[in-house]
Amino acid sequence: MKREATIYAQKEVALSSLLHATVLAQEDLGSALVNHLAQKLSSDDFSALKLRTVLAEAVESDPTLVPCIARDLQAVKQRDPACHSHLQCFLYFKGFLAIQTHRCAHALYKSGRDLVAYHLQSRSSELFGVDINPAAEIGCGIMLDHATGFVMGETARIGDDCSILQGVTLGGTGKAEEDRHPKIGDRVLIGANASVLGNIIIGNGAKIAAGSVVLKAVPENCTVAGVPAKPVGGSCGDPAAAMDQCL
């Protein structure tokens, strides 16, 4: 990323100060993220200087955080054809920035600093249009594409290497009070404006078509679509047999 920033600092002189402050002057990926998010999330009530301290404490408290940031960057670069550089993603992709804000909020939440974690959730919702409860768990290698309107509830969980488009809801049905949100496996693809509701398991490698409403568990490598969602392909080559697995 520093190599990309060096090239662009020469190519786009108007952005050279931003690139130096955000990337080139930083020691590592963690410090670069802390500096960038502090500027993005700051407000009259919570200055960038104070936020920088809080975010640095979040990064220091969770040794898995920086490796996950790196995997997220790689995921977006590899899977999103509109992403032409790691630098572009780091600076401007709000799905990436929202996920990293959540990672910091989640680390603070686990450390018992729930109020500041909720503050970060609120700012992320205001700035990026993404609402992820700080208690929710998200794996590494995540691509949150476009991101606007993504909602993830308190007891929801996302595995590794998942791709999620805009308008997706991982929510509850209103019928449960405790563990009430979906558990998404690894390598799952969720299309735009899909809703996955309730404490259900979405198996590894599953695909959920855009606009679907998923109310029942989805087997591994199964593709579902519709309202309510039904098996249409993947490991569910026989829709009738696949429905038996989901029931």
C-alpha atoms as a PDB file:
ATOM      1  CA  MET A   1       0.000   0.000   0.000  1.00  0.00           C
ATOM      2  CA  LYS A   2       2.901   2.359   0.666  1.00  0.00           C
ATOM      3  CA  ARG A   3       4.200   1.646  -2.808  1.00  0.00           C
ATOM      4  CA  GLU A   4       0.828   2.573  -4.281  1.00  0.00           C
ATOM      5  CA  ALA A   5       0.681   5.726  -2.131  1.00  0.00           C
ATOM      6  CA  THR A   6       4.142   6.802  -3.315  1.00  0.00           C
ATOM      7  CA  ILE A   7       3.087   6.480  -6.944  1.00  0.00           C
ATOM      8  CA  TYR A   8      -0.160   8.383  -6.420  1.00  0.00           C
ATOM      9  CA  ALA A   9       1.510  11.110  -4.345  1.00  0.00           C
ATOM     10  CA  GLN A  10       3.559  11.957  -7.423  1.00  0.00           C
ATOM     11  CA  LYS A  11       0.702  11.469  -9.848  1.00  0.00           C
ATOM     12  CA  GLU A  12      -1.945  13.396  -7.881  1.00  0.00           C
ATOM     13  CA  VAL A  13      -0.134  16.274  -6.190  1.00  0.00           C
ATOM     14  CA  ALA A  14      -3.360  17.599  -4.678  1.00  0.00           C
ATOM     15  CA  LEU A  15      -3.651  14.369  -2.655  1.00  0.00           C
ATOM     16  CA  SER A  16      -0.003  14.149  -1.618  1.00  0.00           C
ATOM     17  CA  SER A  17      -0.552  15.618   1.867  1.00  0.00           C
ATOM     18  CA  LEU A  18      -3.413  13.194   2.531  1.00  0.00           C
ATOM     19  CA  LEU A  19      -1.366  10.239   1.328  1.00  0.00           C
ATOM     20  CA  HIS A  20       1.648  11.177   3.414  1.00  0.00           C
ATOM     21  CA  ALA A  21      -0.380  11.714   6.583  1.00  0.00           C
ATOM     22  CA  THR A  22      -2.618   8.676   6.156  1.00  0.00           C
ATOM     23  CA  VAL A  23      -0.238   6.065   4.758  1.00  0.00           C
ATOM     24  CA  LEU A  24       3.362   7.076   4.082  1.00  0.00           C
ATOM     25  CA  ALA A  25       4.036   8.562   7.514  1.00  0.00           C
ATOM     26  CA  GLN A  26       2.541   5.570   9.350  1.00  0.00           C
ATOM     27  CA  GLU A  27       4.671   2.741  10.705  1.00  0.00           C
ATOM     28  CA  ASP A  28       2.297  -0.127   9.930  1.00  0.00           C
ATOM     29  CA  LEU A  29      -1.203  -1.036   8.792  1.00  0.00           C
ATOM     30  CA  GLY A  30      -2.654  -0.766  12.288  1.00  0.00           C
ATOM     31  CA  SER A  31      -1.401   2.769  12.876  1.00  0.00           C
ATOM     32  CA  ALA A  32      -2.525   3.799   9.380  1.00  0.00           C
ATOM     33  CA  LEU A  33      -6.039   2.506  10.080  1.00  0.00           C
ATOM     34  CA  VAL A  34      -6.188   4.206  13.472  1.00  0.00           C
ATOM     35  CA  ASN A  35      -5.179   7.535  11.963  1.00  0.00           C
ATOM     36  CA  HIS A  36      -7.571   7.244   9.019  1.00  0.00           C
ATOM     37  CA  LEU A  37     -10.594   6.143  11.053  1.00  0.00           C
ATOM     38  CA  ALA A  38      -9.954   8.819  13.692  1.00  0.00           C
ATOM     39  CA  GLN A  39     -10.213  11.493  11.025  1.00  0.00           C
ATOM     40  CA  LYS A  40     -13.292   9.906   9.467  1.00  0.00           C
ATOM     41  CA  LEU A  41     -15.215   9.270  12.690  1.00  0.00           C
ATOM     42  CA  SER A  42     -14.336  12.450  14.582  1.00  0.00           C
ATOM     43  CA  SER A  43     -17.012  14.967  15.533  1.00  0.00           C
ATOM     44  CA  ASP A  44     -17.404  18.105  17.628  1.00  0.00           C
ATOM     45  CA  ASP A  45     -18.095  15.891  20.642  1.00  0.00           C
ATOM     46  CA  PHE A  46     -15.265  13.414  20.038  1.00  0.00           C
ATOM     47  CA  SER A  47     -12.112  14.882  18.526  1.00  0.00           C
ATOM     48  CA  ALA A  48      -9.797  13.023  16.164  1.00  0.00           C
ATOM     49  CA  LEU A  49      -7.054  13.207  18.794  1.00  0.00           C
ATOM     50  CA  LYS A  50      -9.175  11.488  21.433  1.00  0.00           C
ATOM     51  CA  LEU A  51     -10.477   8.954  18.925  1.00  0.00           C
ATOM     52  CA  ARG A  52      -6.953   8.124  17.825  1.00  0.00           C
ATOM     53  CA  THR A  53      -6.110   7.126  21.398  1.00  0.00           C
ATOM     54  CA  VAL A  54      -9.258   5.025  21.801  1.00  0.00           C
ATOM     55  CA  LEU A  55      -8.829   3.249  18.463  1.00  0.00           C
ATOM     56  CA  ALA A  56      -5.154   2.552  19.181  1.00  0.00           C
ATOM     57  CA  GLU A  57      -6.189   0.953  22.480  1.00  0.00           C
ATOM     58  CA  ALA A  58      -8.710  -1.200  20.602  1.00  0.00           C
ATOM     59  CA  VAL A  59      -6.060  -2.384  18.135  1.00  0.00           C
ATOM     60  CA  GLU A  60      -3.605  -3.127  20.929  1.00  0.00           C
ATOM     61  CA  SER A  61      -6.205  -5.107  22.881  1.00  0.00           C
ATOM     62  CA  ASP A  62      -6.856  -7.605  20.074  1.00  0.00           C
ATOM     63  CA  PRO A  63      -3.841  -9.197  18.335  1.00  0.00           C
ATOM     64  CA  THR A  64      -6.100 -10.688  15.645  1.00  0.00           C
ATOM     65  CA  LEU A  65      -7.378  -7.337  14.473  1.00  0.00           C
ATOM     66  CA  VAL A  66      -4.544  -6.188  12.193  1.00  0.00           C
ATOM     67  CA  PRO A  67      -4.202  -9.559  10.395  1.00  0.00           C
ATOM     68  CA  CYS A  68      -7.960  -9.424   9.733  1.00  0.00           C
ATOM     69  CA  ILE A  69      -7.631  -5.914   8.314  1.00  0.00           C
ATOM     70  CA  ALA A  70      -4.992  -7.194   5.889  1.00  0.00           C
ATOM     71  CA  ARG A  71      -7.212 -10.127   4.860  1.00  0.00           C
ATOM     72  CA  ASP A  72     -10.156  -7.777   4.301  1.00  0.00           C
ATOM     73  CA  LEU A  73      -8.018  -5.592   2.036  1.00  0.00           C
ATOM     74  CA  GLN A  74      -6.922  -8.610   0.029  1.00  0.00           C
ATOM     75  CA  ALA A  75     -10.498  -9.896  -0.179  1.00  0.00           C
ATOM     76  CA  VAL A  76     -11.823  -6.665  -1.654  1.00  0.00           C
ATOM     77  CA  LYS A  77      -8.927  -6.362  -4.102  1.00  0.00           C
ATOM     78  CA  GLN A  78      -9.397  -9.955  -5.295  1.00  0.00           C
ATOM     79  CA  ARG A  79     -13.196 -10.132  -5.433  1.00  0.00           C
ATOM     80  CA  ASP A  80     -14.357  -6.656  -6.406  1.00  0.00           C
ATOM     81  CA  PRO A  81     -13.636  -5.833 -10.068  1.00  0.00           C
ATOM     82  CA  ALA A  82     -14.212  -2.143  -9.271  1.00  0.00           C
ATOM     83  CA  CYS A  83     -11.280  -2.150  -6.839  1.00  0.00           C
ATOM     84  CA  HIS A  84      -8.103  -1.189  -8.687  1.00  0.00           C
ATOM     85  CA  SER A  85      -5.711  -0.883  -5.751  1.00  0.00           C
ATOM     86  CA  HIS A  86      -5.409  -1.644  -2.052  1.00  0.00           C
ATOM     87  CA  LEU A  87      -5.032   2.096  -1.477  1.00  0.00           C
ATOM     88  CA  GLN A  88      -8.355   2.850  -3.148  1.00  0.00           C
ATOM     89  CA  CYS A  89     -10.113   0.389  -0.844  1.00  0.00           C
ATOM     90  CA  PHE A  90      -8.334   1.618   2.280  1.00  0.00           C
ATOM     91  CA  LEU A  91      -9.105   5.279   1.660  1.00  0.00           C
ATOM     92  CA  TYR A  92     -12.556   5.255   0.111  1.00  0.00           C
ATOM     93  CA  PHE A  93     -14.513   1.989   0.270  1.00  0.00           C
ATOM     94  CA  LYS A  94     -17.068   2.553   2.996  1.00  0.00           C
ATOM     95  CA  GLY A  95     -17.833  -1.155   3.343  1.00  0.00           C
ATOM     96  CA  PHE A  96     -14.202  -1.761   4.260  1.00  0.00           C
ATOM     97  CA  LEU A  97     -14.159   1.238   6.611  1.00  0.00           C
ATOM     98  CA  ALA A  98     -17.404   0.170   8.284  1.00  0.00           C
ATOM     99  CA  ILE A  99     -16.068  -3.332   8.922  1.00  0.00           C
ATOM    100  CA  GLN A 100     -12.876  -1.914  10.448  1.00  0.00           C
ATOM    101  CA  THR A 101     -14.892   0.466  12.621  1.00  0.00           C
ATOM    102  CA  HIS A 102     -16.824  -2.547  13.855  1.00  0.00           C
ATOM    103  CA  ARG A 103     -13.626  -4.488  14.543  1.00  0.00           C
ATOM    104  CA  CYS A 104     -12.459  -1.673  16.812  1.00  0.00           C
ATOM    105  CA  ALA A 105     -15.885  -1.343  18.438  1.00  0.00           C
ATOM    106  CA  HIS A 106     -16.037  -5.105  19.040  1.00  0.00           C
ATOM    107  CA  ALA A 107     -12.569  -5.117  20.635  1.00  0.00           C
ATOM    108  CA  LEU A 108     -13.618  -2.297  22.957  1.00  0.00           C
ATOM    109  CA  TYR A 109     -16.917  -4.036  23.726  1.00  0.00           C
ATOM    110  CA  LYS A 110     -15.076  -7.215  24.740  1.00  0.00           C
ATOM    111  CA  SER A 111     -12.849  -5.104  26.989  1.00  0.00           C
ATOM    112  CA  GLY A 112     -15.899  -3.827  28.878  1.00  0.00           C
ATOM    113  CA  ARG A 113     -15.959  -0.420  27.193  1.00  0.00           C
ATOM    114  CA  ASP A 114     -19.464  -0.778  25.847  1.00  0.00           C
ATOM    115  CA  LEU A 115     -20.475   2.899  25.718  1.00  0.00           C
ATOM    116  CA  VAL A 116     -17.611   3.993  23.482  1.00  0.00           C
ATOM    117  CA  ALA A 117     -18.267   0.884  21.364  1.00  0.00           C
ATOM    118  CA  TYR A 118     -21.870   2.005  20.880  1.00  0.00           C
ATOM    119  CA  HIS A 119     -20.581   5.464  19.987  1.00  0.00           C
ATOM    120  CA  LEU A 120     -18.520   3.951  17.163  1.00  0.00           C
ATOM    121  CA  GLN A 121     -21.554   1.965  15.998  1.00  0.00           C
ATOM    122  CA  SER A 122     -23.604   5.146  15.887  1.00  0.00           C
ATOM    123  CA  ARG A 123     -20.960   7.092  13.946  1.00  0.00           C
ATOM    124  CA  SER A 124     -20.547   4.245  11.469  1.00  0.00           C
ATOM    125  CA  SER A 125     -24.290   4.233  10.896  1.00  0.00           C
ATOM    126  CA  GLU A 126     -24.298   7.996  10.344  1.00  0.00           C
ATOM    127  CA  LEU A 127     -21.280   8.095   8.027  1.00  0.00           C
ATOM    128  CA  PHE A 128     -21.386   4.807   6.140  1.00  0.00           C
ATOM    129  CA  GLY A 129     -25.033   3.747   6.330  1.00  0.00           C
ATOM    130  CA  VAL A 130     -23.958   0.525   8.048  1.00  0.00           C
ATOM    131  CA  ASP A 131     -25.361  -0.591  11.428  1.00  0.00           C
ATOM    132  CA  ILE A 132     -23.458  -3.430  13.119  1.00  0.00           C
ATOM    133  CA  ASN A 133     -23.999  -4.099  16.811  1.00  0.00           C
ATOM    134  CA  PRO A 134     -20.635  -4.080  18.652  1.00  0.00           C
ATOM    135  CA  ALA A 135     -21.380  -7.501  20.164  1.00  0.00           C
ATOM    136  CA  ALA A 136     -21.770  -9.144  16.734  1.00  0.00           C
ATOM    137  CA  GLU A 137     -18.883 -11.348  15.591  1.00  0.00           C
ATOM    138  CA  ILE A 138     -17.274 -11.046  12.152  1.00  0.00           C
ATOM    139  CA  GLY A 139     -14.524 -13.250  10.737  1.00  0.00           C
ATOM    140  CA  CYS A 140     -11.651 -12.252   8.462  1.00  0.00           C
ATOM    141  CA  GLY A 141     -11.443 -11.795   4.699  1.00  0.00           C
ATOM    142  CA  ILE A 142     -14.782  -9.979   4.467  1.00  0.00           C
ATOM    143  CA  MET A 143     -15.946  -8.020   1.440  1.00  0.00           C
ATOM    144  CA  LEU A 144     -18.885  -5.750   2.248  1.00  0.00           C
ATOM    145  CA  ASP A 145     -19.604  -4.410  -1.233  1.00  0.00           C
ATOM    146  CA  HIS A 146     -21.282  -0.975  -1.551  1.00  0.00           C
ATOM    147  CA  ALA A 147     -22.408  -1.504   2.063  1.00  0.00           C
ATOM    148  CA  THR A 148     -25.300   0.986   2.245  1.00  0.00           C
ATOM    149  CA  GLY A 149     -28.129  -0.380   4.370  1.00  0.00           C
ATOM    150  CA  PHE A 150     -26.271  -3.360   5.845  1.00  0.00           C
ATOM    151  CA  VAL A 151     -27.654  -4.284   9.277  1.00  0.00           C
ATOM    152  CA  MET A 152     -26.259  -6.938  11.639  1.00  0.00           C
ATOM    153  CA  GLY A 153     -27.869  -7.771  14.973  1.00  0.00           C
ATOM    154  CA  GLU A 154     -26.316  -8.309  18.387  1.00  0.00           C
ATOM    155  CA  THR A 155     -26.085 -12.122  18.387  1.00  0.00           C
ATOM    156  CA  ALA A 156     -25.326 -12.549  14.672  1.00  0.00           C
ATOM    157  CA  ARG A 157     -22.065 -14.095  13.509  1.00  0.00           C
ATOM    158  CA  ILE A 158     -20.249 -14.091  10.156  1.00  0.00           C
ATOM    159  CA  GLY A 159     -17.482 -16.573   9.328  1.00  0.00           C
ATOM    160  CA  ASP A 160     -14.358 -16.058   7.235  1.00  0.00           C
ATOM    161  CA  ASP A 161     -14.068 -15.078   3.552  1.00  0.00           C
ATOM    162  CA  CYS A 162     -17.688 -14.012   3.099  1.00  0.00           C
ATOM    163  CA  SER A 163     -18.977 -11.567   0.479  1.00  0.00           C
ATOM    164  CA  ILE A 164     -22.019  -9.448   1.312  1.00  0.00           C
ATOM    165  CA  LEU A 165     -23.704  -6.818  -0.839  1.00  0.00           C
ATOM    166  CA  GLN A 166     -25.706  -3.732   0.057  1.00  0.00           C
ATOM    167  CA  GLY A 167     -29.038  -3.722   1.833  1.00  0.00           C
ATOM    168  CA  VAL A 168     -28.529  -7.046   3.595  1.00  0.00           C
ATOM    169  CA  THR A 169     -30.157  -7.615   6.988  1.00  0.00           C
ATOM    170  CA  LEU A 170     -28.944 -10.231   9.458  1.00  0.00           C
ATOM    171  CA  GLY A 171     -31.761  -9.793  11.929  1.00  0.00           C
ATOM    172  CA  GLY A 172     -34.274 -11.393  14.225  1.00  0.00           C
ATOM    173  CA  THR A 173     -37.848 -12.465  13.689  1.00  0.00           C
ATOM    174  CA  GLY A 174     -39.168 -10.857  16.862  1.00  0.00           C
ATOM    175  CA  LYS A 175     -40.005 -14.273  18.311  1.00  0.00           C
ATOM    176  CA  ALA A 176     -36.853 -14.800  20.392  1.00  0.00           C
ATOM    177  CA  GLU A 177     -35.256 -12.743  23.132  1.00  0.00           C
ATOM    178  CA  GLU A 178     -31.752 -14.168  23.640  1.00  0.00           C
ATOM    179  CA  ASP A 179     -29.738 -15.752  20.814  1.00  0.00           C
ATOM    180  CA  ARG A 180     -31.951 -14.480  18.024  1.00  0.00           C
ATOM    181  CA  HIS A 181     -29.784 -13.733  14.979  1.00  0.00           C
ATOM    182  CA  PRO A 182     -28.249 -15.772  12.103  1.00  0.00           C
ATOM    183  CA  LYS A 183     -24.938 -17.614  12.135  1.00  0.00           C
ATOM    184  CA  ILE A 184     -23.253 -17.288   8.738  1.00  0.00           C
ATOM    185  CA  GLY A 185     -20.609 -19.868   7.835  1.00  0.00           C
ATOM    186  CA  ASP A 186     -17.373 -19.413   5.857  1.00  0.00           C
ATOM    187  CA  ARG A 187     -17.244 -18.412   2.167  1.00  0.00           C
ATOM    188  CA  VAL A 188     -20.916 -17.425   2.060  1.00  0.00           C
ATOM    189  CA  LEU A 189     -22.234 -15.022  -0.594  1.00  0.00           C
ATOM    190  CA  ILE A 190     -25.284 -12.910   0.269  1.00  0.00           C
ATOM    191  CA  GLY A 191     -26.827 -10.891  -2.543  1.00  0.00           C
ATOM    192  CA  ALA A 192     -28.167  -7.353  -2.386  1.00  0.00           C
ATOM    193  CA  ASN A 193     -31.233  -6.639  -0.246  1.00  0.00           C
ATOM    194  CA  ALA A 194     -31.457 -10.183   1.102  1.00  0.00           C
ATOM    195  CA  SER A 195     -32.750 -10.708   4.639  1.00  0.00           C
ATOM    196  CA  VAL A 196     -31.612 -13.601   6.814  1.00  0.00           C
ATOM    197  CA  LEU A 197     -33.777 -13.721   9.908  1.00  0.00           C
ATOM    198  CA  GLY A 198     -33.720 -15.686  13.135  1.00  0.00           C
ATOM    199  CA  ASN A 199     -31.234 -17.921  14.919  1.00  0.00           C
ATOM    200  CA  ILE A 200     -30.516 -20.090  11.877  1.00  0.00           C
ATOM    201  CA  ILE A 201     -27.312 -21.502  10.401  1.00  0.00           C
ATOM    202  CA  ILE A 202     -26.191 -20.684   6.876  1.00  0.00           C
ATOM    203  CA  GLY A 203     -23.732 -23.412   5.897  1.00  0.00           C
ATOM    204  CA  ASN A 204     -20.233 -22.918   4.525  1.00  0.00           C
ATOM    205  CA  GLY A 205     -20.145 -21.973   0.854  1.00  0.00           C
ATOM    206  CA  ALA A 206     -23.859 -21.221   0.642  1.00  0.00           C
ATOM    207  CA  LYS A 207     -25.218 -18.566  -1.731  1.00  0.00           C
ATOM    208  CA  ILE A 208     -28.269 -16.405  -1.065  1.00  0.00           C
ATOM    209  CA  ALA A 209     -29.775 -14.659  -4.075  1.00  0.00           C
ATOM    210  CA  ALA A 210     -30.550 -10.935  -4.113  1.00  0.00           C
ATOM    211  CA  GLY A 211     -33.860  -9.970  -2.540  1.00  0.00           C
ATOM    212  CA  SER A 212     -34.371 -13.312  -0.803  1.00  0.00           C
ATOM    213  CA  VAL A 213     -35.901 -13.718   2.641  1.00  0.00           C
ATOM    214  CA  VAL A 214     -34.271 -16.645   4.446  1.00  0.00           C
ATOM    215  CA  LEU A 215     -36.149 -18.027   7.447  1.00  0.00           C
ATOM    216  CA  LYS A 216     -34.750 -21.578   7.609  1.00  0.00           C
ATOM    217  CA  ALA A 217     -31.264 -23.082   7.783  1.00  0.00           C
ATOM    218  CA  VAL A 218     -29.351 -23.425   4.518  1.00  0.00           C
ATOM    219  CA  PRO A 219     -27.070 -26.472   3.952  1.00  0.00           C
ATOM    220  CA  GLU A 220     -23.441 -26.117   2.928  1.00  0.00           C
ATOM    221  CA  ASN A 221     -22.811 -25.091  -0.694  1.00  0.00           C
ATOM    222  CA  CYS A 222     -26.536 -24.684  -1.320  1.00  0.00           C
ATOM    223  CA  THR A 223     -27.972 -21.796  -3.348  1.00  0.00           C
ATOM    224  CA  VAL A 224     -31.333 -20.396  -2.235  1.00  0.00           C
ATOM    225  CA  ALA A 225     -33.596 -17.727  -3.694  1.00  0.00           C
ATOM    226  CA  GLY A 226     -37.062 -16.279  -3.287  1.00  0.00           C
ATOM    227  CA  VAL A 227     -39.509 -15.086  -0.659  1.00  0.00           C
ATOM    228  CA  PRO A 228     -39.408 -17.215   1.363  1.00  0.00           C
ATOM    229  CA  ALA A 229     -36.101 -18.580   0.112  1.00  0.00           C
ATOM    230  CA  LYS A 230     -36.027 -22.071  -1.396  1.00  0.00           C
ATOM    231  CA  PRO A 231     -33.139 -24.188  -2.732  1.00  0.00           C
ATOM    232  CA  VAL A 232     -32.435 -23.588  -6.398  1.00  0.00           C
ATOM    233  CA  GLY A 233     -28.950 -24.972  -7.019  1.00  0.00           C
ATOM    234  CA  GLY A 234     -25.485 -25.782  -5.774  1.00  0.00           C
ATOM    235  CA  SER A 235     -25.415 -28.834  -3.524  1.00  0.00           C
ATOM    236  CA  CYS A 236     -29.207 -28.601  -3.584  1.00  0.00           C
ATOM    237  CA  GLY A 237     -29.440 -29.871  -7.158  1.00  0.00           C
ATOM    238  CA  ASP A 238     -32.676 -31.593  -6.258  1.00  0.00           C
ATOM    239  CA  PRO A 239     -34.842 -28.811  -4.779  1.00  0.00           C
ATOM    240  CA  ALA A 240     -37.180 -31.274  -3.067  1.00  0.00           C
ATOM    241  CA  ALA A 241     -34.307 -33.094  -1.347  1.00  0.00           C
ATOM    242  CA  ALA A 242     -32.698 -29.814  -0.448  1.00  0.00           C
ATOM    243  CA  MET A 243     -35.854 -28.606   1.233  1.00  0.00           C
ATOM    244  CA  ASP A 244     -35.759 -31.700   3.437  1.00  0.00           C
ATOM    245  CA  GLN A 245     -32.280 -30.655   4.607  1.00  0.00           C
ATOM    246  CA  CYS A 246     -33.429 -27.133   5.353  1.00  0.00           C
ATOM    247  CA  LEU A 247     -36.524 -28.117   7.322  1.00  0.00           C
END
